[in-house]
Amino acid sequence: MQLSIMIMSGVDDGALLQFQSDADGEKTGGHWSLTIGRRDDNDITLKNDTFVSRQHARLHWQDERWWLEDSNSTNGTFTENDVDVFADLRVRGIVPVEPGQLFRIGRTWLRLQSAE
């Protein structure tokens, strides 16, 4: 399985990150997860954004879809709001994320490119 994430803002704007379930993140059974944060040991490292916590969030592949979970970060994790583009929705618990959907970690916007 593959996943691509495009960084949509900040210093790394336009960078395309590629992940493979057999090489990246943590995989147990049908569950695959990737960590997002400022520390180097995260799968997705956003070290140039000071609003990103060391362990900020997780992306999970489960039940044939992607899920986004905030890891009790200081500044929160947000998804785009289709109704009002100026109002982000704070992630509470675990929320589904669709290919093409934007989400924000700290001040960095990312987009889930594809899921197989």
PDB file of N, CA and C in Angstrom:
ATOM      1  N   MET A   1       0.838  -1.171   0.000  1.00  0.00           N
ATOM      2  CA  MET A   1       0.000   0.000   0.000  1.00  0.00           C
ATOM      3  C   MET A   1       0.885   1.237   0.000  1.00  0.00           C
ATOM      4  N   GLN A   2       0.427   2.290  -0.663  1.00  0.00           N
ATOM      5  CA  GLN A   2       1.172   3.535  -0.779  1.00  0.00           C
ATOM      6  C   GLN A   2       0.339   4.710  -0.304  1.00  0.00           C
ATOM      7  N   LEU A   3       1.019   5.756   0.142  1.00  0.00           N
ATOM      8  CA  LEU A   3       0.374   7.005   0.509  1.00  0.00           C
ATOM      9  C   LEU A   3       1.300   8.143   0.112  1.00  0.00           C
ATOM     10  N   SER A   4       0.731   9.200  -0.462  1.00  0.00           N
ATOM     11  CA  SER A   4       1.475  10.412  -0.768  1.00  0.00           C
ATOM     12  C   SER A   4       0.818  11.571  -0.037  1.00  0.00           C
ATOM     13  N   ILE A   5       1.655  12.411   0.560  1.00  0.00           N
ATOM     14  CA  ILE A   5       1.166  13.596   1.248  1.00  0.00           C
ATOM     15  C   ILE A   5       1.911  14.797   0.694  1.00  0.00           C
ATOM     16  N   MET A   6       1.160  15.811   0.289  1.00  0.00           N
ATOM     17  CA  MET A   6       1.738  17.045  -0.238  1.00  0.00           C
ATOM     18  C   MET A   6       1.723  18.099   0.860  1.00  0.00           C
ATOM     19  N   ILE A   7       2.874  18.724   1.096  1.00  0.00           N
ATOM     20  CA  ILE A   7       2.928  19.848   2.026  1.00  0.00           C
ATOM     21  C   ILE A   7       2.472  21.079   1.252  1.00  0.00           C
ATOM     22  N   MET A   8       1.455  21.768   1.777  1.00  0.00           N
ATOM     23  CA  MET A   8       0.782  22.837   1.047  1.00  0.00           C
ATOM     24  C   MET A   8       1.117  24.238   1.552  1.00  0.00           C
ATOM     25  N   SER A   9       1.986  24.358   2.577  1.00  0.00           N
ATOM     26  CA  SER A   9       2.338  25.682   3.084  1.00  0.00           C
ATOM     27  C   SER A   9       3.655  25.604   3.828  1.00  0.00           C
ATOM     28  N   GLY A  10       4.192  26.759   4.176  1.00  0.00           N
ATOM     29  CA  GLY A  10       5.411  26.807   4.971  1.00  0.00           C
ATOM     30  C   GLY A  10       6.667  26.642   4.149  1.00  0.00           C
ATOM     31  N   VAL A  11       7.771  26.420   4.830  1.00  0.00           N
ATOM     32  CA  VAL A  11       9.084  26.315   4.212  1.00  0.00           C
ATOM     33  C   VAL A  11       9.143  25.181   3.192  1.00  0.00           C
ATOM     34  N   ASP A  12       8.459  24.085   3.477  1.00  0.00           N
ATOM     35  CA  ASP A  12       8.499  22.903   2.603  1.00  0.00           C
ATOM     36  C   ASP A  12       7.340  22.852   1.613  1.00  0.00           C
ATOM     37  N   ASP A  13       6.688  23.990   1.365  1.00  0.00           N
ATOM     38  CA  ASP A  13       5.541  24.064   0.446  1.00  0.00           C
ATOM     39  C   ASP A  13       5.869  23.386  -0.879  1.00  0.00           C
ATOM     40  N   GLY A  14       5.010  22.471  -1.305  1.00  0.00           N
ATOM     41  CA  GLY A  14       5.188  21.770  -2.573  1.00  0.00           C
ATOM     42  C   GLY A  14       5.914  20.447  -2.459  1.00  0.00           C
ATOM     43  N   ALA A  15       6.463  20.135  -1.295  1.00  0.00           N
ATOM     44  CA  ALA A  15       7.165  18.857  -1.129  1.00  0.00           C
ATOM     45  C   ALA A  15       6.158  17.714  -1.121  1.00  0.00           C
ATOM     46  N   LEU A  16       6.468  16.655  -1.844  1.00  0.00           N
ATOM     47  CA  LEU A  16       5.623  15.466  -1.894  1.00  0.00           C
ATOM     48  C   LEU A  16       6.309  14.357  -1.108  1.00  0.00           C
ATOM     49  N   LEU A  17       5.651  13.895  -0.060  1.00  0.00           N
ATOM     50  CA  LEU A  17       6.183  12.830   0.785  1.00  0.00           C
ATOM     51  C   LEU A  17       5.533  11.512   0.388  1.00  0.00           C
ATOM     52  N   GLN A  18       6.333  10.481   0.182  1.00  0.00           N
ATOM     53  CA  GLN A  18       5.840   9.174  -0.258  1.00  0.00           C
ATOM     54  C   GLN A  18       6.089   8.139   0.837  1.00  0.00           C
ATOM     55  N   PHE A  19       5.083   7.322   1.087  1.00  0.00           N
ATOM     56  CA  PHE A  19       5.177   6.302   2.128  1.00  0.00           C
ATOM     57  C   PHE A  19       4.702   4.957   1.589  1.00  0.00           C
ATOM     58  N   GLN A  20       5.330   3.891   2.074  1.00  0.00           N
ATOM     59  CA  GLN A  20       4.984   2.510   1.732  1.00  0.00           C
ATOM     60  C   GLN A  20       4.683   1.768   3.029  1.00  0.00           C
ATOM     61  N   SER A  21       3.586   1.034   3.057  1.00  0.00           N
ATOM     62  CA  SER A  21       3.202   0.329   4.279  1.00  0.00           C
ATOM     63  C   SER A  21       4.223  -0.725   4.703  1.00  0.00           C
ATOM     64  N   ASP A  22       4.969  -1.270   3.758  1.00  0.00           N
ATOM     65  CA  ASP A  22       5.943  -2.298   4.114  1.00  0.00           C
ATOM     66  C   ASP A  22       7.281  -1.710   4.576  1.00  0.00           C
ATOM     67  N   ALA A  23       7.441  -0.375   4.519  1.00  0.00           N
ATOM     68  CA  ALA A  23       8.717   0.232   4.894  1.00  0.00           C
ATOM     69  C   ALA A  23       8.588   1.374   5.910  1.00  0.00           C
ATOM     70  N   ASP A  24       7.433   2.017   5.978  1.00  0.00           N
ATOM     71  CA  ASP A  24       7.281   3.212   6.805  1.00  0.00           C
ATOM     72  C   ASP A  24       6.199   3.027   7.871  1.00  0.00           C
ATOM     73  N   GLY A  25       6.352   3.762   8.954  1.00  0.00           N
ATOM     74  CA  GLY A  25       5.330   3.750   9.993  1.00  0.00           C
ATOM     75  C   GLY A  25       5.293   2.442  10.748  1.00  0.00           C
ATOM     76  N   GLU A  26       4.150   2.212  11.347  1.00  0.00           N
ATOM     77  CA  GLU A  26       3.936   1.009  12.144  1.00  0.00           C
ATOM     78  C   GLU A  26       2.764   0.236  11.552  1.00  0.00           C
ATOM     79  N   LYS A  27       2.947  -1.059  11.347  1.00  0.00           N
ATOM     80  CA  LYS A  27       1.885  -1.874  10.768  1.00  0.00           C
ATOM     81  C   LYS A  27       1.632  -3.085  11.649  1.00  0.00           C
ATOM     82  N   THR A  28       0.367  -3.251  12.042  1.00  0.00           N
ATOM     83  CA  THR A  28      -0.047  -4.427  12.805  1.00  0.00           C
ATOM     84  C   THR A  28      -1.379  -4.891  12.241  1.00  0.00           C
ATOM     85  N   GLY A  29      -1.411  -6.104  11.746  1.00  0.00           N
ATOM     86  CA  GLY A  29      -2.633  -6.620  11.131  1.00  0.00           C
ATOM     87  C   GLY A  29      -3.049  -5.753   9.960  1.00  0.00           C
ATOM     88  N   GLY A  30      -4.289  -5.310   9.929  1.00  0.00           N
ATOM     89  CA  GLY A  30      -4.787  -4.446   8.866  1.00  0.00           C
ATOM     90  C   GLY A  30      -4.687  -2.971   9.207  1.00  0.00           C
ATOM     91  N   HIS A  31      -3.929  -2.657  10.246  1.00  0.00           N
ATOM     92  CA  HIS A  31      -3.812  -1.284  10.735  1.00  0.00           C
ATOM     93  C   HIS A  31      -2.410  -0.752  10.428  1.00  0.00           C
ATOM     94  N   TRP A  32      -2.336   0.410   9.752  1.00  0.00           N
ATOM     95  CA  TRP A  32      -1.062   1.063   9.432  1.00  0.00           C
ATOM     96  C   TRP A  32      -1.132   2.470   9.979  1.00  0.00           C
ATOM     97  N   SER A  33      -0.118   2.924  10.691  1.00  0.00           N
ATOM     98  CA  SER A  33      -0.142   4.291  11.209  1.00  0.00           C
ATOM     99  C   SER A  33       1.175   5.005  10.972  1.00  0.00           C
ATOM    100  N   LEU A  34       1.058   6.320  10.764  1.00  0.00           N
ATOM    101  CA  LEU A  34       2.203   7.203  10.573  1.00  0.00           C
ATOM    102  C   LEU A  34       2.113   8.320  11.601  1.00  0.00           C
ATOM    103  N   THR A  35       3.238   8.642  12.230  1.00  0.00           N
ATOM    104  CA  THR A  35       3.258   9.723  13.215  1.00  0.00           C
ATOM    105  C   THR A  35       3.668  11.025  12.546  1.00  0.00           C
ATOM    106  N   ILE A  36       3.153  12.130  13.092  1.00  0.00           N
ATOM    107  CA  ILE A  36       3.456  13.464  12.581  1.00  0.00           C
ATOM    108  C   ILE A  36       3.900  14.314  13.763  1.00  0.00           C
ATOM    109  N   GLY A  37       5.011  15.023  13.600  1.00  0.00           N
ATOM    110  CA  GLY A  37       5.480  15.890  14.669  1.00  0.00           C
ATOM    111  C   GLY A  37       6.778  16.581  14.330  1.00  0.00           C
ATOM    112  N   ARG A  38       7.319  17.290  15.310  1.00  0.00           N
ATOM    113  CA  ARG A  38       8.535  18.066  15.114  1.00  0.00           C
ATOM    114  C   ARG A  38       9.801  17.230  15.346  1.00  0.00           C
ATOM    115  N   ARG A  39       9.701  16.171  16.134  1.00  0.00           N
ATOM    116  CA  ARG A  39      10.879  15.341  16.403  1.00  0.00           C
ATOM    117  C   ARG A  39      11.284  14.523  15.186  1.00  0.00           C
ATOM    118  N   ASP A  40      12.575  14.248  15.088  1.00  0.00           N
ATOM    119  CA  ASP A  40      13.122  13.493  13.956  1.00  0.00           C
ATOM    120  C   ASP A  40      12.620  12.060  13.869  1.00  0.00           C
ATOM    121  N   ASP A  41      12.150  11.485  14.985  1.00  0.00           N
ATOM    122  CA  ASP A  41      11.727  10.087  14.949  1.00  0.00           C
ATOM    123  C   ASP A  41      10.291   9.910  14.438  1.00  0.00           C
ATOM    124  N   ASN A  42       9.621  10.990  14.022  1.00  0.00           N
ATOM    125  CA  ASN A  42       8.290  10.890  13.417  1.00  0.00           C
ATOM    126  C   ASN A  42       8.406  10.473  11.958  1.00  0.00           C
ATOM    127  N   ASP A  43       7.364   9.843  11.449  1.00  0.00           N
ATOM    128  CA  ASP A  43       7.349   9.471  10.031  1.00  0.00           C
ATOM    129  C   ASP A  43       7.251  10.714   9.152  1.00  0.00           C
ATOM    130  N   ILE A  44       6.442  11.681   9.579  1.00  0.00           N
ATOM    131  CA  ILE A  44       6.324  12.965   8.898  1.00  0.00           C
ATOM    132  C   ILE A  44       6.863  14.012   9.859  1.00  0.00           C
ATOM    133  N   THR A  45       8.041  14.566   9.548  1.00  0.00           N
ATOM    134  CA  THR A  45       8.710  15.512  10.428  1.00  0.00           C
ATOM    135  C   THR A  45       8.521  16.931   9.905  1.00  0.00           C
ATOM    136  N   LEU A  46       7.959  17.791  10.757  1.00  0.00           N
ATOM    137  CA  LEU A  46       7.735  19.197  10.407  1.00  0.00           C
ATOM    138  C   LEU A  46       8.550  20.064  11.366  1.00  0.00           C
ATOM    139  N   LYS A  47       9.874  19.971  11.268  1.00  0.00           N
ATOM    140  CA  LYS A  47      10.739  20.630  12.246  1.00  0.00           C
ATOM    141  C   LYS A  47      10.834  22.139  12.071  1.00  0.00           C
ATOM    142  N   ASN A  48      10.387  22.686  10.936  1.00  0.00           N
ATOM    143  CA  ASN A  48      10.459  24.129  10.708  1.00  0.00           C
ATOM    144  C   ASN A  48       9.235  24.884  11.224  1.00  0.00           C
ATOM    145  N   ASP A  49       8.243  24.181  11.731  1.00  0.00           N
ATOM    146  CA  ASP A  49       7.021  24.807  12.238  1.00  0.00           C
ATOM    147  C   ASP A  49       7.048  24.732  13.768  1.00  0.00           C
ATOM    148  N   THR A  50       7.275  25.874  14.415  1.00  0.00           N
ATOM    149  CA  THR A  50       7.380  25.896  15.876  1.00  0.00           C
ATOM    150  C   THR A  50       6.037  25.687  16.568  1.00  0.00           C
ATOM    151  N   PHE A  51       4.927  25.662  15.820  1.00  0.00           N
ATOM    152  CA  PHE A  51       3.607  25.398  16.388  1.00  0.00           C
ATOM    153  C   PHE A  51       3.276  23.907  16.389  1.00  0.00           C
ATOM    154  N   VAL A  52       4.188  23.090  15.878  1.00  0.00           N
ATOM    155  CA  VAL A  52       4.009  21.638  15.845  1.00  0.00           C
ATOM    156  C   VAL A  52       4.643  21.046  17.098  1.00  0.00           C
ATOM    157  N   SER A  53       3.892  20.192  17.794  1.00  0.00           N
ATOM    158  CA  SER A  53       4.408  19.505  18.981  1.00  0.00           C
ATOM    159  C   SER A  53       5.388  18.402  18.579  1.00  0.00           C
ATOM    160  N   ARG A  54       6.169  17.948  19.541  1.00  0.00           N
ATOM    161  CA  ARG A  54       7.135  16.876  19.248  1.00  0.00           C
ATOM    162  C   ARG A  54       6.434  15.641  18.697  1.00  0.00           C
ATOM    163  N   GLN A  55       5.354  15.220  19.325  1.00  0.00           N
ATOM    164  CA  GLN A  55       4.485  14.133  18.865  1.00  0.00           C
ATOM    165  C   GLN A  55       3.117  14.770  18.688  1.00  0.00           C
ATOM    166  N   HIS A  56       2.775  15.202  17.505  1.00  0.00           N
ATOM    167  CA  HIS A  56       1.597  16.042  17.297  1.00  0.00           C
ATOM    168  C   HIS A  56       0.332  15.255  16.928  1.00  0.00           C
ATOM    169  N   ALA A  57       0.449  14.354  15.953  1.00  0.00           N
ATOM    170  CA  ALA A  57      -0.749  13.655  15.453  1.00  0.00           C
ATOM    171  C   ALA A  57      -0.358  12.323  14.823  1.00  0.00           C
ATOM    172  N   ARG A  58      -1.402  11.550  14.463  1.00  0.00           N
ATOM    173  CA  ARG A  58      -1.209  10.267  13.772  1.00  0.00           C
ATOM    174  C   ARG A  58      -2.203  10.151  12.629  1.00  0.00           C
ATOM    175  N   LEU A  59      -1.746   9.534  11.553  1.00  0.00           N
ATOM    176  CA  LEU A  59      -2.629   9.110  10.468  1.00  0.00           C
ATOM    177  C   LEU A  59      -2.743   7.601  10.576  1.00  0.00           C
ATOM    178  N   HIS A  60      -3.972   7.085  10.514  1.00  0.00           N
ATOM    179  CA  HIS A  60      -4.208   5.640  10.610  1.00  0.00           C
ATOM    180  C   HIS A  60      -4.909   5.154   9.343  1.00  0.00           C
ATOM    181  N   TRP A  61      -4.502   4.004   8.825  1.00  0.00           N
ATOM    182  CA  TRP A  61      -5.238   3.307   7.768  1.00  0.00           C
ATOM    183  C   TRP A  61      -5.938   2.136   8.444  1.00  0.00           C
ATOM    184  N   GLN A  62      -7.243   2.192   8.474  1.00  0.00           N
ATOM    185  CA  GLN A  62      -8.016   1.135   9.106  1.00  0.00           C
ATOM    186  C   GLN A  62      -9.396   1.102   8.476  1.00  0.00           C
ATOM    187  N   ASP A  63      -9.944  -0.075   8.322  1.00  0.00           N
ATOM    188  CA  ASP A  63     -11.273  -0.259   7.744  1.00  0.00           C
ATOM    189  C   ASP A  63     -11.378   0.395   6.364  1.00  0.00           C
ATOM    190  N   GLU A  64     -10.306   0.244   5.572  1.00  0.00           N
ATOM    191  CA  GLU A  64     -10.284   0.711   4.185  1.00  0.00           C
ATOM    192  C   GLU A  64     -10.372   2.226   4.022  1.00  0.00           C
ATOM    193  N   ARG A  65      -9.921   2.989   5.048  1.00  0.00           N
ATOM    194  CA  ARG A  65      -9.901   4.447   4.918  1.00  0.00           C
ATOM    195  C   ARG A  65      -8.867   5.044   5.866  1.00  0.00           C
ATOM    196  N   TRP A  66      -8.549   6.320   5.636  1.00  0.00           N
ATOM    197  CA  TRP A  66      -7.601   7.042   6.481  1.00  0.00           C
ATOM    198  C   TRP A  66      -8.329   7.782   7.587  1.00  0.00           C
ATOM    199  N   TRP A  67      -7.686   7.821   8.761  1.00  0.00           N
ATOM    200  CA  TRP A  67      -8.208   8.508   9.936  1.00  0.00           C
ATOM    201  C   TRP A  67      -7.108   9.404  10.489  1.00  0.00           C
ATOM    202  N   LEU A  68      -7.484  10.577  11.005  1.00  0.00           N
ATOM    203  CA  LEU A  68      -6.548  11.533  11.587  1.00  0.00           C
ATOM    204  C   LEU A  68      -6.852  11.668  13.068  1.00  0.00           C
ATOM    205  N   GLU A  69      -5.796  11.620  13.888  1.00  0.00           N
ATOM    206  CA  GLU A  69      -5.956  11.705  15.333  1.00  0.00           C
ATOM    207  C   GLU A  69      -4.935  12.683  15.902  1.00  0.00           C
ATOM    208  N   ASP A  70      -5.396  13.623  16.712  1.00  0.00           N
ATOM    209  CA  ASP A  70      -4.501  14.532  17.414  1.00  0.00           C
ATOM    210  C   ASP A  70      -3.916  13.790  18.621  1.00  0.00           C
ATOM    211  N   SER A  71      -2.625  14.002  18.892  1.00  0.00           N
ATOM    212  CA  SER A  71      -1.953  13.317  20.004  1.00  0.00           C
ATOM    213  C   SER A  71      -1.802  14.250  21.205  1.00  0.00           C
ATOM    214  N   ASN A  72      -2.914  14.911  21.569  1.00  0.00           N
ATOM    215  CA  ASN A  72      -2.911  15.868  22.678  1.00  0.00           C
ATOM    216  C   ASN A  72      -1.878  16.972  22.477  1.00  0.00           C
ATOM    217  N   SER A  73      -1.796  17.471  21.236  1.00  0.00           N
ATOM    218  CA  SER A  73      -0.838  18.524  20.918  1.00  0.00           C
ATOM    219  C   SER A  73      -1.236  19.841  21.576  1.00  0.00           C
ATOM    220  N   THR A  74      -0.279  20.725  21.722  1.00  0.00           N
ATOM    221  CA  THR A  74      -0.524  22.027  22.336  1.00  0.00           C
ATOM    222  C   THR A  74      -1.399  22.910  21.446  1.00  0.00           C
ATOM    223  N   ASN A  75      -1.123  22.941  20.143  1.00  0.00           N
ATOM    224  CA  ASN A  75      -1.805  23.867  19.234  1.00  0.00           C
ATOM    225  C   ASN A  75      -2.889  23.232  18.375  1.00  0.00           C
ATOM    226  N   GLY A  76      -3.149  21.952  18.559  1.00  0.00           N
ATOM    227  CA  GLY A  76      -4.260  21.302  17.876  1.00  0.00           C
ATOM    228  C   GLY A  76      -3.971  20.851  16.458  1.00  0.00           C
ATOM    229  N   THR A  77      -4.878  20.015  15.970  1.00  0.00           N
ATOM    230  CA  THR A  77      -4.881  19.485  14.610  1.00  0.00           C
ATOM    231  C   THR A  77      -6.226  19.859  14.025  1.00  0.00           C
ATOM    232  N   PHE A  78      -6.243  20.269  12.756  1.00  0.00           N
ATOM    233  CA  PHE A  78      -7.464  20.791  12.147  1.00  0.00           C
ATOM    234  C   PHE A  78      -7.673  20.211  10.756  1.00  0.00           C
ATOM    235  N   THR A  79      -8.928  20.093  10.354  1.00  0.00           N
ATOM    236  CA  THR A  79      -9.269  19.732   8.983  1.00  0.00           C
ATOM    237  C   THR A  79      -9.937  20.934   8.340  1.00  0.00           C
ATOM    238  N   GLU A  80      -9.925  20.956   7.003  1.00  0.00           N
ATOM    239  CA  GLU A  80     -10.582  22.063   6.315  1.00  0.00           C
ATOM    240  C   GLU A  80     -12.087  21.941   6.482  1.00  0.00           C
ATOM    241  N   ASN A  81     -12.764  23.065   6.438  1.00  0.00           N
ATOM    242  CA  ASN A  81     -14.211  23.132   6.579  1.00  0.00           C
ATOM    243  C   ASN A  81     -14.797  23.463   5.211  1.00  0.00           C
ATOM    244  N   ASP A  82     -15.568  22.558   4.625  1.00  0.00           N
ATOM    245  CA  ASP A  82     -16.146  22.772   3.297  1.00  0.00           C
ATOM    246  C   ASP A  82     -17.174  23.899   3.277  1.00  0.00           C
ATOM    247  N   VAL A  83     -17.771  24.198   4.419  1.00  0.00           N
ATOM    248  CA  VAL A  83     -18.822  25.211   4.489  1.00  0.00           C
ATOM    249  C   VAL A  83     -18.226  26.614   4.526  1.00  0.00           C
ATOM    250  N   ASP A  84     -17.230  26.827   5.364  1.00  0.00           N
ATOM    251  CA  ASP A  84     -16.607  28.134   5.539  1.00  0.00           C
ATOM    252  C   ASP A  84     -15.097  27.943   5.499  1.00  0.00           C
ATOM    253  N   VAL A  85     -14.467  28.341   4.389  1.00  0.00           N
ATOM    254  CA  VAL A  85     -13.035  28.092   4.224  1.00  0.00           C
ATOM    255  C   VAL A  85     -12.180  28.813   5.254  1.00  0.00           C
ATOM    256  N   PHE A  86     -12.730  29.789   5.949  1.00  0.00           N
ATOM    257  CA  PHE A  86     -11.968  30.522   6.956  1.00  0.00           C
ATOM    258  C   PHE A  86     -12.140  29.931   8.358  1.00  0.00           C
ATOM    259  N   ALA A  87     -12.935  28.884   8.483  1.00  0.00           N
ATOM    260  CA  ALA A  87     -13.163  28.255   9.783  1.00  0.00           C
ATOM    261  C   ALA A  87     -12.688  26.803   9.725  1.00  0.00           C
ATOM    262  N   ASP A  88     -11.570  26.532  10.366  1.00  0.00           N
ATOM    263  CA  ASP A  88     -11.043  25.169  10.432  1.00  0.00           C
ATOM    264  C   ASP A  88     -11.788  24.394  11.511  1.00  0.00           C
ATOM    265  N   LEU A  89     -11.845  23.089  11.357  1.00  0.00           N
ATOM    266  CA  LEU A  89     -12.486  22.228  12.342  1.00  0.00           C
ATOM    267  C   LEU A  89     -11.413  21.525  13.160  1.00  0.00           C
ATOM    268  N   ARG A  90     -11.415  21.744  14.463  1.00  0.00           N
ATOM    269  CA  ARG A  90     -10.440  21.105  15.336  1.00  0.00           C
ATOM    270  C   ARG A  90     -10.745  19.615  15.451  1.00  0.00           C
ATOM    271  N   VAL A  91      -9.709  18.806  15.322  1.00  0.00           N
ATOM    272  CA  VAL A  91      -9.849  17.352  15.423  1.00  0.00           C
ATOM    273  C   VAL A  91      -9.982  16.977  16.892  1.00  0.00           C
ATOM    274  N   ARG A  92     -11.071  16.311  17.204  1.00  0.00           N
ATOM    275  CA  ARG A  92     -11.310  15.773  18.552  1.00  0.00           C
ATOM    276  C   ARG A  92     -11.533  14.278  18.374  1.00  0.00           C
ATOM    277  N   GLY A  93     -10.735  13.482  19.031  1.00  0.00           N
ATOM    278  CA  GLY A  93     -10.818  12.040  18.826  1.00  0.00           C
ATOM    279  C   GLY A  93     -10.153  11.674  17.511  1.00  0.00           C
ATOM    280  N   ILE A  94     -10.786  10.776  16.791  1.00  0.00           N
ATOM    281  CA  ILE A  94     -10.271  10.315  15.499  1.00  0.00           C
ATOM    282  C   ILE A  94     -11.311  10.650  14.437  1.00  0.00           C
ATOM    283  N   VAL A  95     -10.880  11.336  13.367  1.00  0.00           N
ATOM    284  CA  VAL A  95     -11.811  11.738  12.311  1.00  0.00           C
ATOM    285  C   VAL A  95     -11.350  11.179  10.963  1.00  0.00           C
ATOM    286  N   PRO A  96     -12.292  10.870  10.068  1.00  0.00           N
ATOM    287  CA  PRO A  96     -11.906  10.365   8.753  1.00  0.00           C
ATOM    288  C   PRO A  96     -11.297  11.469   7.890  1.00  0.00           C
ATOM    289  N   VAL A  97     -10.343  11.089   7.033  1.00  0.00           N
ATOM    290  CA  VAL A  97      -9.734  12.019   6.080  1.00  0.00           C
ATOM    291  C   VAL A  97      -9.782  11.368   4.711  1.00  0.00           C
ATOM    292  N   GLU A  98     -10.241  12.113   3.726  1.00  0.00           N
ATOM    293  CA  GLU A  98     -10.388  11.599   2.365  1.00  0.00           C
ATOM    294  C   GLU A  98      -9.237  12.068   1.481  1.00  0.00           C
ATOM    295  N   PRO A  99      -8.900  11.312   0.430  1.00  0.00           N
ATOM    296  CA  PRO A  99      -7.897  11.785  -0.529  1.00  0.00           C
ATOM    297  C   PRO A  99      -8.305  13.159  -1.079  1.00  0.00           C
ATOM    298  N   GLY A 100      -7.342  14.065  -1.138  1.00  0.00           N
ATOM    299  CA  GLY A 100      -7.602  15.421  -1.605  1.00  0.00           C
ATOM    300  C   GLY A 100      -7.949  16.393  -0.493  1.00  0.00           C
ATOM    301  N   GLN A 101      -8.241  15.884   0.684  1.00  0.00           N
ATOM    302  CA  GLN A 101      -8.633  16.740   1.798  1.00  0.00           C
ATOM    303  C   GLN A 101      -7.408  17.372   2.457  1.00  0.00           C
ATOM    304  N   LEU A 102      -7.543  18.647   2.822  1.00  0.00           N
ATOM    305  CA  LEU A 102      -6.490  19.361   3.529  1.00  0.00           C
ATOM    306  C   LEU A 102      -6.650  19.192   5.037  1.00  0.00           C
ATOM    307  N   PHE A 103      -5.528  19.131   5.735  1.00  0.00           N
ATOM    308  CA  PHE A 103      -5.541  19.157   7.191  1.00  0.00           C
ATOM    309  C   PHE A 103      -4.330  19.962   7.658  1.00  0.00           C
ATOM    310  N   ARG A 104      -4.444  20.525   8.863  1.00  0.00           N
ATOM    311  CA  ARG A 104      -3.394  21.416   9.363  1.00  0.00           C
ATOM    312  C   ARG A 104      -2.808  20.870  10.653  1.00  0.00           C
ATOM    313  N   ILE A 105      -1.466  20.831  10.666  1.00  0.00           N
ATOM    314  CA  ILE A 105      -0.684  20.437  11.829  1.00  0.00           C
ATOM    315  C   ILE A 105       0.127  21.671  12.200  1.00  0.00           C
ATOM    316  N   GLY A 106      -0.108  22.236  13.388  1.00  0.00           N
ATOM    317  CA  GLY A 106       0.543  23.507  13.727  1.00  0.00           C
ATOM    318  C   GLY A 106       0.066  24.569  12.749  1.00  0.00           C
ATOM    319  N   ARG A 107       1.000  25.172  12.025  1.00  0.00           N
ATOM    320  CA  ARG A 107       0.631  26.142  10.981  1.00  0.00           C
ATOM    321  C   ARG A 107       0.843  25.594   9.572  1.00  0.00           C
ATOM    322  N   THR A 108       1.146  24.312   9.478  1.00  0.00           N
ATOM    323  CA  THR A 108       1.438  23.688   8.185  1.00  0.00           C
ATOM    324  C   THR A 108       0.228  22.938   7.653  1.00  0.00           C
ATOM    325  N   TRP A 109      -0.187  23.298   6.421  1.00  0.00           N
ATOM    326  CA  TRP A 109      -1.270  22.593   5.740  1.00  0.00           C
ATOM    327  C   TRP A 109      -0.683  21.437   4.947  1.00  0.00           C
ATOM    328  N   LEU A 110      -1.350  20.280   5.010  1.00  0.00           N
ATOM    329  CA  LEU A 110      -0.960  19.100   4.265  1.00  0.00           C
ATOM    330  C   LEU A 110      -2.179  18.571   3.521  1.00  0.00           C
ATOM    331  N   ARG A 111      -1.945  17.801   2.457  1.00  0.00           N
ATOM    332  CA  ARG A 111      -3.051  17.205   1.708  1.00  0.00           C
ATOM    333  C   ARG A 111      -2.766  15.741   1.477  1.00  0.00           C
ATOM    334  N   LEU A 112      -3.735  14.921   1.823  1.00  0.00           N
ATOM    335  CA  LEU A 112      -3.680  13.487   1.551  1.00  0.00           C
ATOM    336  C   LEU A 112      -3.867  13.313   0.041  1.00  0.00           C
ATOM    337  N   GLN A 113      -2.845  12.800  -0.650  1.00  0.00           N
ATOM    338  CA  GLN A 113      -2.896  12.715  -2.104  1.00  0.00           C
ATOM    339  C   GLN A 113      -3.654  11.497  -2.624  1.00  0.00           C
ATOM    340  N   SER A 114      -3.356  10.338  -2.045  1.00  0.00           N
ATOM    341  CA  SER A 114      -3.998   9.125  -2.555  1.00  0.00           C
ATOM    342  C   SER A 114      -3.931   8.028  -1.517  1.00  0.00           C
ATOM    343  N   ALA A 115      -4.888   7.131  -1.599  1.00  0.00           N
ATOM    344  CA  ALA A 115      -4.879   5.961  -0.728  1.00  0.00           C
ATOM    345  C   ALA A 115      -5.316   4.775  -1.565  1.00  0.00           C
ATOM    346  N   GLU A 116      -4.646   3.656  -1.390  1.00  0.00           N
ATOM    347  CA  GLU A 116      -5.022   2.442  -2.128  1.00  0.00           C
ATOM    348  C   GLU A 116      -5.616   1.428  -1.189  1.00  0.00           C
TER     349      GLU A 116
END
